[in-house]
């Protein structure tokens, strides 16, 4: 769905995916007290998989 939306809006797939991820995190998790810590740990886990 995102690639189709990206084509329709003439936006790169990466840009729309990044905005989607940001919107989901902020709307679903934005009120969590330790969100920043959780995101940092998640990023570290993702980096170690590369």
C-alpha atoms as a PDB file:
ATOM      1  CA  UNK A   1       0.000   0.000   0.000  1.00  0.00           C
ATOM      2  CA  UNK A   2       2.746   2.475   0.861  1.00  0.00           C
ATOM      3  CA  UNK A   3       4.532   2.171  -2.517  1.00  0.00           C
ATOM      4  CA  UNK A   4       1.225   2.848  -4.308  1.00  0.00           C
ATOM      5  CA  UNK A   5       0.546   5.875  -2.127  1.00  0.00           C
ATOM      6  CA  UNK A   6       4.093   7.097  -2.691  1.00  0.00           C
ATOM      7  CA  UNK A   7       3.656   6.881  -6.463  1.00  0.00           C
ATOM      8  CA  UNK A   8       0.332   8.685  -6.322  1.00  0.00           C
ATOM      9  CA  UNK A   9       1.840  11.496  -4.268  1.00  0.00           C
ATOM     10  CA  UNK A  10       5.143  11.461  -6.188  1.00  0.00           C
ATOM     11  CA  UNK A  11       7.089  10.907  -2.973  1.00  0.00           C
ATOM     12  CA  UNK A  12       9.976   8.507  -2.542  1.00  0.00           C
ATOM     13  CA  UNK A  13       9.119   5.229  -0.824  1.00  0.00           C
ATOM     14  CA  UNK A  14      11.672   5.890   1.926  1.00  0.00           C
ATOM     15  CA  UNK A  15      10.203   9.302   2.766  1.00  0.00           C
ATOM     16  CA  UNK A  16       6.655   8.010   3.098  1.00  0.00           C
ATOM     17  CA  UNK A  17       7.750   4.981   5.119  1.00  0.00           C
ATOM     18  CA  UNK A  18       9.744   7.151   7.531  1.00  0.00           C
ATOM     19  CA  UNK A  19       6.781   9.499   8.007  1.00  0.00           C
ATOM     20  CA  UNK A  20       4.463   6.530   8.538  1.00  0.00           C
ATOM     21  CA  UNK A  21       6.760   5.030  11.197  1.00  0.00           C
ATOM     22  CA  UNK A  22       7.059   8.386  12.944  1.00  0.00           C
ATOM     23  CA  UNK A  23       3.296   8.945  12.930  1.00  0.00           C
ATOM     24  CA  UNK A  24       2.558   5.473  14.302  1.00  0.00           C
ATOM     25  CA  UNK A  25       5.119   5.772  17.071  1.00  0.00           C
ATOM     26  CA  UNK A  26       3.956   9.215  18.129  1.00  0.00           C
ATOM     27  CA  UNK A  27       0.241   8.431  17.996  1.00  0.00           C
ATOM     28  CA  UNK A  28       0.431   4.994  19.625  1.00  0.00           C
ATOM     29  CA  UNK A  29       3.363   5.399  21.994  1.00  0.00           C
ATOM     30  CA  UNK A  30       3.915   9.136  22.359  1.00  0.00           C
ATOM     31  CA  UNK A  31       2.663   9.278  25.942  1.00  0.00           C
ATOM     32  CA  UNK A  32       4.976   6.583  27.298  1.00  0.00           C
ATOM     33  CA  UNK A  33       7.308   7.863  29.969  1.00  0.00           C
ATOM     34  CA  UNK A  34      10.347   5.925  28.751  1.00  0.00           C
ATOM     35  CA  UNK A  35       9.683   6.101  25.021  1.00  0.00           C
ATOM     36  CA  UNK A  36      13.061   7.640  24.246  1.00  0.00           C
ATOM     37  CA  UNK A  37      14.891   4.890  26.159  1.00  0.00           C
ATOM     38  CA  UNK A  38      12.883   2.193  24.426  1.00  0.00           C
ATOM     39  CA  UNK A  39      13.546   3.701  21.008  1.00  0.00           C
ATOM     40  CA  UNK A  40      17.267   3.960  21.727  1.00  0.00           C
ATOM     41  CA  UNK A  41      17.405   0.288  22.714  1.00  0.00           C
ATOM     42  CA  UNK A  42      15.412  -0.640  19.618  1.00  0.00           C
ATOM     43  CA  UNK A  43      17.819   1.302  17.381  1.00  0.00           C
ATOM     44  CA  UNK A  44      20.774  -0.415  19.024  1.00  0.00           C
ATOM     45  CA  UNK A  45      19.163  -3.814  18.399  1.00  0.00           C
ATOM     46  CA  UNK A  46      18.539  -2.932  14.757  1.00  0.00           C
ATOM     47  CA  UNK A  47      22.135  -1.747  14.314  1.00  0.00           C
ATOM     48  CA  UNK A  48      23.517  -4.982  15.761  1.00  0.00           C
ATOM     49  CA  UNK A  49      21.553  -6.996  13.177  1.00  0.00           C
ATOM     50  CA  UNK A  50      23.268  -5.229  10.263  1.00  0.00           C
END
